[in-house]
Amino acid sequence: MSDGVGAMTVESDVASALDAVVEALREEDKFLITTHEGPDGDALGSMLALHQILTQLGKDSVMFLDEKEFPLPVEYRFLALQEVFHEPPVDLADRTVVFLDCGNIDRMPVDWLRDGTTILNVDHHHDNTRFGGINLVDVSASCTAEIVFEISGRLGAATTPEIATALYVGLITDTGMFMYENTDARTHRVAAALIEAGVDVNGIFRRLYERVPEEKLRLIARALGKIDRRLDGRLSTTYIAAEDYAATGADEMLTEGIIDFIRGIEGTAVAAVVRDKPESQREARKVSLRSTDGEVDVSRIARKFGGGGHRRAAGFSTDQSYEELVAFLTEETRAELG
């Protein structure tokens, strides 16, 4: 009985938070919308869609991403993000700050963003730290784009082809083209509505997955050549070093998707890609983690380094060497596997 009551309480909390977020978006006039560092398809698609929704409703909306996030990964450069702010607007104090797809405010390490008079936190990660004044955290949603779609309907906004496209990018990337376990009937209903609103399904698929630069293929080849397997193959890792970028002509933005090759190795329970970051960034390396069958909660591992994510997909940044990280991941994976 207690489990059922708990589920009802969570559903009630989400419904109340949804009402509160919709009311805030309806009542306020000026907004700044942002997301986490190293934004993925869900983060970018959700941010762009909500910006377009609020603009359509006559609101003064601006998007923010730190300048270091550009250029974006090549697969997302078709999104209309040319007007993103890299500096705080002069009227920041008058704006409601909306964080999307950001489980922890430290994942957008820009101090002045915390000075918003009101922070709306809209997310679907189970480890969200509820850092906002209003926290709409729906862990039953496949992605944040799914939540933004619901918000749009509540606000009475028209789902234009541009809004539908942005949300569909979030949907298809965070569900692994509808193959991950977070995909359910609700996800497909949202996808159907977006397609009816004008999404070019094949066009988006080709932009995301079939326009691969030659440099990325060379980088993938080097990453696959460094695969390291521990714990009888249950942990599979690889390392993309600065010299790999130099040798292939690729940059960090072309590492998207390499983790999927590692995760697909037979027998792997946890997959990890460790990659060097540009020298200008504050930590030396970024670690992407995947759990193939959910037996290991990789978000728990990531949180030990201040990162986070989902049970099956998470990440963090660190100054530790690759050798230190492999040792750490080996011990954590062994402990998680019991």
C-alpha atoms as a PDB file:
ATOM      1  CA  MET A   1       0.000   0.000   0.000  1.00  0.00           C
ATOM      2  CA  SER A   2       2.806   2.409   0.863  1.00  0.00           C
ATOM      3  CA  ASP A   3       4.330   2.100  -2.627  1.00  0.00           C
ATOM      4  CA  GLY A   4       1.037   3.091  -4.204  1.00  0.00           C
ATOM      5  CA  VAL A   5       0.623   6.066  -1.895  1.00  0.00           C
ATOM      6  CA  GLY A   6       4.174   7.158  -2.732  1.00  0.00           C
ATOM      7  CA  ALA A   7       3.453   6.972  -6.445  1.00  0.00           C
ATOM      8  CA  MET A   8       0.271   9.014  -5.986  1.00  0.00           C
ATOM      9  CA  THR A   9       2.211  11.640  -4.028  1.00  0.00           C
ATOM     10  CA  VAL A  10       4.838  11.927  -6.768  1.00  0.00           C
ATOM     11  CA  GLU A  11       2.145  12.291  -9.439  1.00  0.00           C
ATOM     12  CA  SER A  12       0.406  14.941  -7.332  1.00  0.00           C
ATOM     13  CA  ASP A  13       3.676  16.842  -6.842  1.00  0.00           C
ATOM     14  CA  VAL A  14       4.368  16.817 -10.583  1.00  0.00           C
ATOM     15  CA  ALA A  15       0.847  18.008 -11.388  1.00  0.00           C
ATOM     16  CA  SER A  16       1.125  20.859  -8.874  1.00  0.00           C
ATOM     17  CA  ALA A  17       4.546  21.859 -10.175  1.00  0.00           C
ATOM     18  CA  LEU A  18       3.268  21.774 -13.750  1.00  0.00           C
ATOM     19  CA  ASP A  19       0.429  24.113 -12.795  1.00  0.00           C
ATOM     20  CA  ALA A  20       2.875  26.436 -11.028  1.00  0.00           C
ATOM     21  CA  VAL A  21       5.283  26.557 -13.978  1.00  0.00           C
ATOM     22  CA  VAL A  22       2.487  27.213 -16.466  1.00  0.00           C
ATOM     23  CA  GLU A  23       1.132  29.990 -14.251  1.00  0.00           C
ATOM     24  CA  ALA A  24       4.584  31.585 -13.956  1.00  0.00           C
ATOM     25  CA  LEU A  25       5.124  31.438 -17.714  1.00  0.00           C
ATOM     26  CA  ARG A  26       1.687  32.919 -18.287  1.00  0.00           C
ATOM     27  CA  GLU A  27       1.970  35.698 -15.702  1.00  0.00           C
ATOM     28  CA  GLU A  28       5.569  36.863 -16.180  1.00  0.00           C
ATOM     29  CA  ASP A  29       6.738  38.775 -19.246  1.00  0.00           C
ATOM     30  CA  LYS A  30      10.526  38.454 -19.397  1.00  0.00           C
ATOM     31  CA  PHE A  31      12.514  35.218 -19.400  1.00  0.00           C
ATOM     32  CA  LEU A  32      16.022  33.844 -19.777  1.00  0.00           C
ATOM     33  CA  ILE A  33      16.150  30.185 -20.836  1.00  0.00           C
ATOM     34  CA  THR A  34      19.223  28.017 -20.378  1.00  0.00           C
ATOM     35  CA  THR A  35      20.327  24.407 -19.923  1.00  0.00           C
ATOM     36  CA  HIS A  36      23.348  22.375 -18.830  1.00  0.00           C
ATOM     37  CA  GLU A  37      26.895  22.669 -20.140  1.00  0.00           C
ATOM     38  CA  GLY A  38      27.773  20.347 -23.001  1.00  0.00           C
ATOM     39  CA  PRO A  39      24.146  20.453 -24.178  1.00  0.00           C
ATOM     40  CA  ASP A  40      22.700  17.443 -25.997  1.00  0.00           C
ATOM     41  CA  GLY A  41      19.739  17.200 -28.354  1.00  0.00           C
ATOM     42  CA  ASP A  42      17.136  17.273 -25.594  1.00  0.00           C
ATOM     43  CA  ALA A  43      18.721  20.301 -23.919  1.00  0.00           C
ATOM     44  CA  LEU A  44      19.034  22.282 -27.153  1.00  0.00           C
ATOM     45  CA  GLY A  45      15.688  21.232 -28.602  1.00  0.00           C
ATOM     46  CA  SER A  46      13.816  21.990 -25.384  1.00  0.00           C
ATOM     47  CA  MET A  47      15.489  25.387 -24.993  1.00  0.00           C
ATOM     48  CA  LEU A  48      14.761  26.447 -28.556  1.00  0.00           C
ATOM     49  CA  ALA A  49      11.184  25.178 -28.449  1.00  0.00           C
ATOM     50  CA  LEU A  50      10.320  26.968 -25.194  1.00  0.00           C
ATOM     51  CA  HIS A  51      11.917  30.166 -26.494  1.00  0.00           C
ATOM     52  CA  GLN A  52       9.775  30.002 -29.628  1.00  0.00           C
ATOM     53  CA  ILE A  53       6.655  29.174 -27.603  1.00  0.00           C
ATOM     54  CA  LEU A  54       7.122  32.171 -25.310  1.00  0.00           C
ATOM     55  CA  THR A  55       7.961  34.470 -28.220  1.00  0.00           C
ATOM     56  CA  GLN A  56       4.806  33.342 -29.994  1.00  0.00           C
ATOM     57  CA  LEU A  57       2.818  34.319 -26.882  1.00  0.00           C
ATOM     58  CA  GLY A  58       4.299  37.822 -26.923  1.00  0.00           C
ATOM     59  CA  LYS A  59       6.834  37.280 -24.153  1.00  0.00           C
ATOM     60  CA  ASP A  60      10.337  38.753 -24.080  1.00  0.00           C
ATOM     61  CA  SER A  61      12.493  35.623 -24.147  1.00  0.00           C
ATOM     62  CA  VAL A  62      16.243  35.185 -24.564  1.00  0.00           C
ATOM     63  CA  MET A  63      18.343  31.998 -24.639  1.00  0.00           C
ATOM     64  CA  PHE A  64      21.732  31.688 -22.959  1.00  0.00           C
ATOM     65  CA  LEU A  65      24.670  29.330 -23.448  1.00  0.00           C
ATOM     66  CA  ASP A  66      28.263  30.036 -22.510  1.00  0.00           C
ATOM     67  CA  GLU A  67      30.438  30.905 -25.496  1.00  0.00           C
ATOM     68  CA  LYS A  68      32.614  27.842 -24.852  1.00  0.00           C
ATOM     69  CA  GLU A  69      29.717  25.623 -25.982  1.00  0.00           C
ATOM     70  CA  PHE A  70      30.138  26.817 -29.561  1.00  0.00           C
ATOM     71  CA  PRO A  71      30.510  25.573 -32.162  1.00  0.00           C
ATOM     72  CA  LEU A  72      27.827  23.052 -31.303  1.00  0.00           C
ATOM     73  CA  PRO A  73      28.154  19.388 -32.305  1.00  0.00           C
ATOM     74  CA  VAL A  74      27.742  19.254 -36.060  1.00  0.00           C
ATOM     75  CA  GLU A  75      24.477  17.318 -35.919  1.00  0.00           C
ATOM     76  CA  TYR A  76      22.737  20.141 -34.037  1.00  0.00           C
ATOM     77  CA  ARG A  77      23.940  23.093 -36.070  1.00  0.00           C
ATOM     78  CA  PHE A  78      20.791  23.153 -38.197  1.00  0.00           C
ATOM     79  CA  LEU A  79      18.780  24.307 -35.174  1.00  0.00           C
ATOM     80  CA  ALA A  80      17.979  28.038 -35.151  1.00  0.00           C
ATOM     81  CA  LEU A  81      20.253  29.001 -32.259  1.00  0.00           C
ATOM     82  CA  GLN A  82      22.007  31.969 -33.853  1.00  0.00           C
ATOM     83  CA  GLU A  83      20.463  34.418 -31.364  1.00  0.00           C
ATOM     84  CA  VAL A  84      21.715  32.696 -28.209  1.00  0.00           C
ATOM     85  CA  PHE A  85      23.205  35.127 -25.673  1.00  0.00           C
ATOM     86  CA  HIS A  86      26.732  34.504 -24.386  1.00  0.00           C
ATOM     87  CA  GLU A  87      26.658  37.338 -21.840  1.00  0.00           C
ATOM     88  CA  PRO A  88      24.043  38.332 -19.253  1.00  0.00           C
ATOM     89  CA  PRO A  89      21.321  40.653 -20.561  1.00  0.00           C
ATOM     90  CA  VAL A  90      21.390  44.069 -18.895  1.00  0.00           C
ATOM     91  CA  ASP A  91      17.915  43.479 -17.465  1.00  0.00           C
ATOM     92  CA  LEU A  92      18.705  40.068 -15.956  1.00  0.00           C
ATOM     93  CA  ALA A  93      17.228  41.093 -12.603  1.00  0.00           C
ATOM     94  CA  ASP A  94      13.849  41.530 -14.290  1.00  0.00           C
ATOM     95  CA  ARG A  95      13.855  38.086 -15.919  1.00  0.00           C
ATOM     96  CA  THR A  96      12.613  34.739 -14.703  1.00  0.00           C
ATOM     97  CA  VAL A  97      15.389  32.198 -15.314  1.00  0.00           C
ATOM     98  CA  VAL A  98      14.249  28.848 -16.718  1.00  0.00           C
ATOM     99  CA  PHE A  99      16.639  25.902 -16.439  1.00  0.00           C
ATOM    100  CA  LEU A 100      15.775  23.027 -18.764  1.00  0.00           C
ATOM    101  CA  ASP A 101      17.122  19.447 -18.606  1.00  0.00           C
ATOM    102  CA  CYS A 102      19.586  20.459 -15.898  1.00  0.00           C
ATOM    103  CA  GLY A 103      19.695  18.072 -12.938  1.00  0.00           C
ATOM    104  CA  ASN A 104      22.099  20.196 -10.922  1.00  0.00           C
ATOM    105  CA  ILE A 105      22.653  23.949 -11.100  1.00  0.00           C
ATOM    106  CA  ASP A 106      26.409  23.307 -11.035  1.00  0.00           C
ATOM    107  CA  ARG A 107      26.045  21.769 -14.504  1.00  0.00           C
ATOM    108  CA  MET A 108      25.704  25.345 -15.791  1.00  0.00           C
ATOM    109  CA  PRO A 109      28.676  26.892 -13.957  1.00  0.00           C
ATOM    110  CA  VAL A 110      27.855  30.544 -14.614  1.00  0.00           C
ATOM    111  CA  ASP A 111      27.530  32.370 -11.308  1.00  0.00           C
ATOM    112  CA  TRP A 112      25.356  35.254 -12.459  1.00  0.00           C
ATOM    113  CA  LEU A 113      22.626  32.859 -13.605  1.00  0.00           C
ATOM    114  CA  ARG A 114      21.900  32.138  -9.970  1.00  0.00           C
ATOM    115  CA  ASP A 115      20.886  35.754  -9.425  1.00  0.00           C
ATOM    116  CA  GLY A 116      17.515  35.383 -11.142  1.00  0.00           C
ATOM    117  CA  THR A 117      14.605  36.646  -9.062  1.00  0.00           C
ATOM    118  CA  THR A 118      12.811  33.384  -9.831  1.00  0.00           C
ATOM    119  CA  ILE A 119      14.255  30.106 -11.085  1.00  0.00           C
ATOM    120  CA  LEU A 120      12.019  27.571 -12.806  1.00  0.00           C
ATOM    121  CA  ASN A 121      13.620  24.121 -12.886  1.00  0.00           C
ATOM    122  CA  VAL A 122      12.081  21.865 -15.566  1.00  0.00           C
ATOM    123  CA  ASP A 123      13.662  18.443 -15.913  1.00  0.00           C
ATOM    124  CA  HIS A 124      13.187  14.662 -16.058  1.00  0.00           C
ATOM    125  CA  HIS A 125      16.361  13.371 -14.355  1.00  0.00           C
ATOM    126  CA  HIS A 126      15.704  11.281 -11.249  1.00  0.00           C
ATOM    127  CA  ASP A 127      18.688  12.803  -9.428  1.00  0.00           C
ATOM    128  CA  ASN A 128      17.619  16.422  -9.940  1.00  0.00           C
ATOM    129  CA  THR A 129      18.620  18.467  -6.866  1.00  0.00           C
ATOM    130  CA  ARG A 130      15.435  20.643  -6.911  1.00  0.00           C
ATOM    131  CA  PHE A 131      17.425  23.874  -6.990  1.00  0.00           C
ATOM    132  CA  GLY A 132      14.647  26.081  -8.357  1.00  0.00           C
ATOM    133  CA  GLY A 133      11.981  28.206  -6.773  1.00  0.00           C
ATOM    134  CA  ILE A 134       9.580  25.949  -8.659  1.00  0.00           C
ATOM    135  CA  ASN A 135      10.746  22.428  -9.509  1.00  0.00           C
ATOM    136  CA  LEU A 136       8.896  20.564 -12.244  1.00  0.00           C
ATOM    137  CA  VAL A 137      10.760  17.254 -12.260  1.00  0.00           C
ATOM    138  CA  ASP A 138       8.806  14.533 -14.053  1.00  0.00           C
ATOM    139  CA  VAL A 139      10.908  11.378 -13.976  1.00  0.00           C
ATOM    140  CA  SER A 140       8.207   9.492 -15.891  1.00  0.00           C
ATOM    141  CA  ALA A 141       8.860  11.649 -18.963  1.00  0.00           C
ATOM    142  CA  SER A 142      11.227  10.238 -21.559  1.00  0.00           C
ATOM    143  CA  CYS A 143      12.877  13.627 -22.004  1.00  0.00           C
ATOM    144  CA  THR A 144      12.519  17.285 -21.107  1.00  0.00           C
ATOM    145  CA  ALA A 145      11.110  17.965 -24.581  1.00  0.00           C
ATOM    146  CA  GLU A 146       8.118  15.828 -23.611  1.00  0.00           C
ATOM    147  CA  ILE A 147       7.480  18.104 -20.624  1.00  0.00           C
ATOM    148  CA  VAL A 148       7.879  21.254 -22.741  1.00  0.00           C
ATOM    149  CA  PHE A 149       5.302  19.825 -25.163  1.00  0.00           C
ATOM    150  CA  GLU A 150       2.860  19.482 -22.253  1.00  0.00           C
ATOM    151  CA  ILE A 151       3.610  23.038 -21.086  1.00  0.00           C
ATOM    152  CA  SER A 152       3.012  24.344 -24.596  1.00  0.00           C
ATOM    153  CA  GLY A 153      -0.408  22.732 -24.719  1.00  0.00           C
ATOM    154  CA  ARG A 154      -1.338  24.195 -21.342  1.00  0.00           C
ATOM    155  CA  LEU A 155      -0.289  27.655 -22.541  1.00  0.00           C
ATOM    156  CA  GLY A 156      -2.390  27.330 -25.684  1.00  0.00           C
ATOM    157  CA  ALA A 157       0.550  27.826 -28.035  1.00  0.00           C
ATOM    158  CA  ALA A 158       0.359  26.633 -31.625  1.00  0.00           C
ATOM    159  CA  THR A 159       2.791  23.822 -32.399  1.00  0.00           C
ATOM    160  CA  THR A 160       4.487  25.307 -35.463  1.00  0.00           C
ATOM    161  CA  PRO A 161       6.748  23.133 -37.642  1.00  0.00           C
ATOM    162  CA  GLU A 162       9.748  24.913 -36.086  1.00  0.00           C
ATOM    163  CA  ILE A 163       8.634  24.148 -32.520  1.00  0.00           C
ATOM    164  CA  ALA A 164       7.723  20.587 -33.470  1.00  0.00           C
ATOM    165  CA  THR A 165      11.141  20.057 -35.063  1.00  0.00           C
ATOM    166  CA  ALA A 166      13.006  21.308 -31.984  1.00  0.00           C
ATOM    167  CA  LEU A 167      10.962  19.077 -29.667  1.00  0.00           C
ATOM    168  CA  TYR A 168      11.342  16.072 -31.971  1.00  0.00           C
ATOM    169  CA  VAL A 169      15.127  16.449 -31.853  1.00  0.00           C
ATOM    170  CA  GLY A 170      14.919  16.220 -28.060  1.00  0.00           C
ATOM    171  CA  LEU A 171      12.594  13.247 -28.246  1.00  0.00           C
ATOM    172  CA  ILE A 172      14.542  11.182 -30.770  1.00  0.00           C
ATOM    173  CA  THR A 173      17.971  11.787 -29.238  1.00  0.00           C
ATOM    174  CA  ASP A 174      17.065  11.152 -25.597  1.00  0.00           C
ATOM    175  CA  THR A 175      15.187   7.946 -26.427  1.00  0.00           C
ATOM    176  CA  GLY A 176      17.890   6.616 -28.765  1.00  0.00           C
ATOM    177  CA  MET A 177      15.528   6.735 -31.749  1.00  0.00           C
ATOM    178  CA  PHE A 178      12.770   5.262 -29.515  1.00  0.00           C
ATOM    179  CA  MET A 179      14.892   2.252 -28.521  1.00  0.00           C
ATOM    180  CA  TYR A 180      15.777   3.082 -24.895  1.00  0.00           C
ATOM    181  CA  GLU A 181      13.717   1.882 -21.937  1.00  0.00           C
ATOM    182  CA  ASN A 182      12.443   5.422 -21.279  1.00  0.00           C
ATOM    183  CA  THR A 183      10.309   5.104 -24.434  1.00  0.00           C
ATOM    184  CA  ASP A 184       6.651   4.380 -23.720  1.00  0.00           C
ATOM    185  CA  ALA A 185       3.201   4.947 -25.212  1.00  0.00           C
ATOM    186  CA  ARG A 186       3.226   8.591 -24.071  1.00  0.00           C
ATOM    187  CA  THR A 187       6.472   9.141 -25.969  1.00  0.00           C
ATOM    188  CA  HIS A 188       4.977   7.808 -29.183  1.00  0.00           C
ATOM    189  CA  ARG A 189       1.825   9.891 -28.746  1.00  0.00           C
ATOM    190  CA  VAL A 190       3.943  13.030 -28.445  1.00  0.00           C
ATOM    191  CA  ALA A 191       5.974  11.962 -31.489  1.00  0.00           C
ATOM    192  CA  ALA A 192       2.790  11.442 -33.500  1.00  0.00           C
ATOM    193  CA  ALA A 193       1.519  14.912 -32.559  1.00  0.00           C
ATOM    194  CA  LEU A 194       4.831  16.496 -33.555  1.00  0.00           C
ATOM    195  CA  ILE A 195       4.855  14.678 -36.889  1.00  0.00           C
ATOM    196  CA  GLU A 196       1.307  15.869 -37.533  1.00  0.00           C
ATOM    197  CA  ALA A 197       2.520  19.410 -36.778  1.00  0.00           C
ATOM    198  CA  GLY A 198       5.027  19.259 -39.625  1.00  0.00           C
ATOM    199  CA  VAL A 199       8.172  17.351 -38.586  1.00  0.00           C
ATOM    200  CA  ASP A 200      10.219  16.037 -41.507  1.00  0.00           C
ATOM    201  CA  VAL A 201      11.068  12.668 -39.946  1.00  0.00           C
ATOM    202  CA  ASN A 202      13.512  11.504 -42.578  1.00  0.00           C
ATOM    203  CA  GLY A 203      15.119  14.925 -42.866  1.00  0.00           C
ATOM    204  CA  ILE A 204      15.812  15.115 -39.131  1.00  0.00           C
ATOM    205  CA  PHE A 205      17.117  11.552 -39.047  1.00  0.00           C
ATOM    206  CA  ARG A 206      19.555  12.315 -41.846  1.00  0.00           C
ATOM    207  CA  ARG A 207      20.754  15.547 -40.207  1.00  0.00           C
ATOM    208  CA  LEU A 208      21.320  13.794 -36.878  1.00  0.00           C
ATOM    209  CA  TYR A 209      22.724  10.460 -37.992  1.00  0.00           C
ATOM    210  CA  GLU A 210      23.730  10.375 -41.649  1.00  0.00           C
ATOM    211  CA  ARG A 211      25.817  13.499 -42.277  1.00  0.00           C
ATOM    212  CA  VAL A 212      28.949  12.237 -40.607  1.00  0.00           C
ATOM    213  CA  PRO A 213      32.184  14.171 -41.269  1.00  0.00           C
ATOM    214  CA  GLU A 214      35.150  12.057 -42.328  1.00  0.00           C
ATOM    215  CA  GLU A 215      37.096  13.385 -39.334  1.00  0.00           C
ATOM    216  CA  LYS A 216      34.530  11.853 -36.985  1.00  0.00           C
ATOM    217  CA  LEU A 217      34.906   8.422 -38.578  1.00  0.00           C
ATOM    218  CA  ARG A 218      38.671   8.626 -38.143  1.00  0.00           C
ATOM    219  CA  LEU A 219      38.184   9.601 -34.492  1.00  0.00           C
ATOM    220  CA  ILE A 220      35.794   6.685 -33.969  1.00  0.00           C
ATOM    221  CA  ALA A 221      38.381   4.314 -35.455  1.00  0.00           C
ATOM    222  CA  ARG A 222      41.032   5.540 -32.998  1.00  0.00           C
ATOM    223  CA  ALA A 223      38.611   5.259 -30.069  1.00  0.00           C
ATOM    224  CA  LEU A 224      37.638   1.706 -30.989  1.00  0.00           C
ATOM    225  CA  GLY A 225      41.311   0.789 -31.268  1.00  0.00           C
ATOM    226  CA  LYS A 226      41.815   1.709 -27.587  1.00  0.00           C
ATOM    227  CA  ILE A 227      39.007  -0.325 -26.046  1.00  0.00           C
ATOM    228  CA  ASP A 228      39.966  -1.612 -22.589  1.00  0.00           C
ATOM    229  CA  ARG A 229      37.846  -4.303 -20.899  1.00  0.00           C
ATOM    230  CA  ARG A 230      37.870  -5.070 -17.184  1.00  0.00           C
ATOM    231  CA  LEU A 231      35.906  -7.305 -14.808  1.00  0.00           C
ATOM    232  CA  ASP A 232      35.599 -10.099 -17.363  1.00  0.00           C
ATOM    233  CA  GLY A 233      34.322  -7.622 -19.922  1.00  0.00           C
ATOM    234  CA  ARG A 234      31.605  -6.143 -17.714  1.00  0.00           C
ATOM    235  CA  LEU A 235      33.345  -2.727 -17.834  1.00  0.00           C
ATOM    236  CA  SER A 236      34.363  -1.438 -21.269  1.00  0.00           C
ATOM    237  CA  THR A 237      36.224   1.862 -21.622  1.00  0.00           C
ATOM    238  CA  THR A 238      38.106   3.899 -24.172  1.00  0.00           C
ATOM    239  CA  TYR A 239      40.109   7.116 -24.119  1.00  0.00           C
ATOM    240  CA  ILE A 240      40.085   9.967 -26.641  1.00  0.00           C
ATOM    241  CA  ALA A 241      43.249  11.968 -26.019  1.00  0.00           C
ATOM    242  CA  ALA A 242      44.335  15.356 -27.306  1.00  0.00           C
ATOM    243  CA  GLU A 243      46.649  13.651 -29.816  1.00  0.00           C
ATOM    244  CA  ASP A 244      43.655  11.774 -31.267  1.00  0.00           C
ATOM    245  CA  TYR A 245      41.995  15.071 -32.124  1.00  0.00           C
ATOM    246  CA  ALA A 246      45.223  16.349 -33.653  1.00  0.00           C
ATOM    247  CA  ALA A 247      45.800  13.200 -35.723  1.00  0.00           C
ATOM    248  CA  THR A 248      42.272  13.071 -37.146  1.00  0.00           C
ATOM    249  CA  GLY A 249      41.498  16.767 -37.549  1.00  0.00           C
ATOM    250  CA  ALA A 250      38.424  16.233 -35.356  1.00  0.00           C
ATOM    251  CA  ASP A 251      37.417  18.273 -32.323  1.00  0.00           C
ATOM    252  CA  GLU A 252      35.586  17.455 -29.103  1.00  0.00           C
ATOM    253  CA  MET A 253      32.242  18.215 -30.731  1.00  0.00           C
ATOM    254  CA  LEU A 254      32.633  15.106 -32.917  1.00  0.00           C
ATOM    255  CA  THR A 255      32.708  12.667 -29.991  1.00  0.00           C
ATOM    256  CA  GLU A 256      28.900  12.471 -29.812  1.00  0.00           C
ATOM    257  CA  GLY A 257      27.702   8.887 -30.210  1.00  0.00           C
ATOM    258  CA  ILE A 258      31.029   7.115 -29.691  1.00  0.00           C
ATOM    259  CA  ILE A 259      29.761   5.814 -26.340  1.00  0.00           C
ATOM    260  CA  ASP A 260      27.095   3.809 -28.191  1.00  0.00           C
ATOM    261  CA  PHE A 261      29.755   1.692 -29.904  1.00  0.00           C
ATOM    262  CA  ILE A 262      31.326   0.871 -26.532  1.00  0.00           C
ATOM    263  CA  ARG A 263      27.989   0.104 -24.910  1.00  0.00           C
ATOM    264  CA  GLY A 264      27.141  -2.295 -27.733  1.00  0.00           C
ATOM    265  CA  ILE A 265      30.055  -4.661 -27.003  1.00  0.00           C
ATOM    266  CA  GLU A 266      28.677  -8.037 -25.949  1.00  0.00           C
ATOM    267  CA  GLY A 267      28.898  -8.674 -22.215  1.00  0.00           C
ATOM    268  CA  THR A 268      29.293  -5.004 -21.263  1.00  0.00           C
ATOM    269  CA  ALA A 269      27.381  -3.829 -18.192  1.00  0.00           C
ATOM    270  CA  VAL A 270      29.009  -0.378 -17.968  1.00  0.00           C
ATOM    271  CA  ALA A 271      30.539   1.566 -20.854  1.00  0.00           C
ATOM    272  CA  ALA A 272      32.715   4.642 -20.437  1.00  0.00           C
ATOM    273  CA  VAL A 273      34.312   7.111 -22.817  1.00  0.00           C
ATOM    274  CA  VAL A 274      36.950   9.372 -21.290  1.00  0.00           C
ATOM    275  CA  ARG A 275      37.953  12.298 -23.453  1.00  0.00           C
ATOM    276  CA  ASP A 276      40.346  15.189 -23.095  1.00  0.00           C
ATOM    277  CA  LYS A 277      38.752  18.620 -23.028  1.00  0.00           C
ATOM    278  CA  PRO A 278      40.181  21.813 -24.546  1.00  0.00           C
ATOM    279  CA  GLU A 279      42.875  23.365 -22.365  1.00  0.00           C
ATOM    280  CA  SER A 280      40.727  26.463 -21.826  1.00  0.00           C
ATOM    281  CA  GLN A 281      38.099  24.491 -19.925  1.00  0.00           C
ATOM    282  CA  ARG A 282      38.193  24.107 -16.169  1.00  0.00           C
ATOM    283  CA  GLU A 283      38.509  20.303 -15.892  1.00  0.00           C
ATOM    284  CA  ALA A 284      40.888  18.296 -18.021  1.00  0.00           C
ATOM    285  CA  ARG A 285      38.581  15.410 -18.918  1.00  0.00           C
ATOM    286  CA  LYS A 286      34.959  14.529 -19.534  1.00  0.00           C
ATOM    287  CA  VAL A 287      33.595  11.065 -18.735  1.00  0.00           C
ATOM    288  CA  SER A 288      30.457   9.674 -20.365  1.00  0.00           C
ATOM    289  CA  LEU A 289      28.874   6.603 -18.766  1.00  0.00           C
ATOM    290  CA  ARG A 290      26.235   4.140 -19.970  1.00  0.00           C
ATOM    291  CA  SER A 291      24.596   1.172 -18.269  1.00  0.00           C
ATOM    292  CA  THR A 292      23.499  -1.418 -20.791  1.00  0.00           C
ATOM    293  CA  ASP A 293      20.799  -3.220 -18.815  1.00  0.00           C
ATOM    294  CA  GLY A 294      20.159  -0.932 -15.848  1.00  0.00           C
ATOM    295  CA  GLU A 295      21.840  -3.295 -13.379  1.00  0.00           C
ATOM    296  CA  VAL A 296      24.324  -0.529 -12.567  1.00  0.00           C
ATOM    297  CA  ASP A 297      23.099   2.995 -11.743  1.00  0.00           C
ATOM    298  CA  VAL A 298      25.756   5.089 -13.483  1.00  0.00           C
ATOM    299  CA  SER A 299      24.251   8.353 -12.220  1.00  0.00           C
ATOM    300  CA  ARG A 300      25.293   7.272  -8.711  1.00  0.00           C
ATOM    301  CA  ILE A 301      28.857   6.873  -9.946  1.00  0.00           C
ATOM    302  CA  ALA A 302      28.792  10.261 -11.716  1.00  0.00           C
ATOM    303  CA  ARG A 303      27.509  12.070  -8.637  1.00  0.00           C
ATOM    304  CA  LYS A 304      30.715  11.171  -6.774  1.00  0.00           C
ATOM    305  CA  PHE A 305      32.461  13.648  -9.102  1.00  0.00           C
ATOM    306  CA  GLY A 306      29.707  16.269  -9.047  1.00  0.00           C
ATOM    307  CA  GLY A 307      28.061  15.011 -12.226  1.00  0.00           C
ATOM    308  CA  GLY A 308      24.746  13.274 -12.733  1.00  0.00           C
ATOM    309  CA  GLY A 309      22.225  12.025 -15.233  1.00  0.00           C
ATOM    310  CA  HIS A 310      20.010   8.994 -15.584  1.00  0.00           C
ATOM    311  CA  ARG A 311      20.337   5.501 -14.165  1.00  0.00           C
ATOM    312  CA  ARG A 312      21.490   4.325 -17.596  1.00  0.00           C
ATOM    313  CA  ALA A 313      23.219   7.457 -18.921  1.00  0.00           C
ATOM    314  CA  ALA A 314      25.330   9.919 -16.949  1.00  0.00           C
ATOM    315  CA  GLY A 315      28.553  11.897 -16.993  1.00  0.00           C
ATOM    316  CA  PHE A 316      30.988  14.080 -15.119  1.00  0.00           C
ATOM    317  CA  SER A 317      34.120  16.193 -15.550  1.00  0.00           C
ATOM    318  CA  THR A 318      37.373  15.738 -13.665  1.00  0.00           C
ATOM    319  CA  ASP A 319      41.109  16.466 -13.521  1.00  0.00           C
ATOM    320  CA  GLN A 320      42.016  12.827 -12.894  1.00  0.00           C
ATOM    321  CA  SER A 321      44.130  10.921 -15.393  1.00  0.00           C
ATOM    322  CA  TYR A 322      42.702   8.163 -17.563  1.00  0.00           C
ATOM    323  CA  GLU A 323      44.523   5.523 -15.504  1.00  0.00           C
ATOM    324  CA  GLU A 324      43.073   6.907 -12.259  1.00  0.00           C
ATOM    325  CA  LEU A 325      39.610   7.026 -13.777  1.00  0.00           C
ATOM    326  CA  VAL A 326      39.760   3.432 -15.013  1.00  0.00           C
ATOM    327  CA  ALA A 327      40.780   2.303 -11.531  1.00  0.00           C
ATOM    328  CA  PHE A 328      37.915   4.287 -10.012  1.00  0.00           C
ATOM    329  CA  LEU A 329      35.366   2.983 -12.526  1.00  0.00           C
ATOM    330  CA  THR A 330      36.553  -0.576 -12.017  1.00  0.00           C
ATOM    331  CA  GLU A 331      36.013  -0.393  -8.267  1.00  0.00           C
ATOM    332  CA  GLU A 332      32.666   1.385  -8.577  1.00  0.00           C
ATOM    333  CA  THR A 333      31.380  -1.052 -11.174  1.00  0.00           C
ATOM    334  CA  ARG A 334      32.525  -4.022  -9.102  1.00  0.00           C
ATOM    335  CA  ALA A 335      30.700  -2.598  -6.071  1.00  0.00           C
ATOM    336  CA  GLU A 336      27.533  -1.896  -8.069  1.00  0.00           C
ATOM    337  CA  LEU A 337      27.525  -5.415  -9.489  1.00  0.00           C
ATOM    338  CA  GLY A 338      27.754  -6.788  -5.963  1.00  0.00           C
END
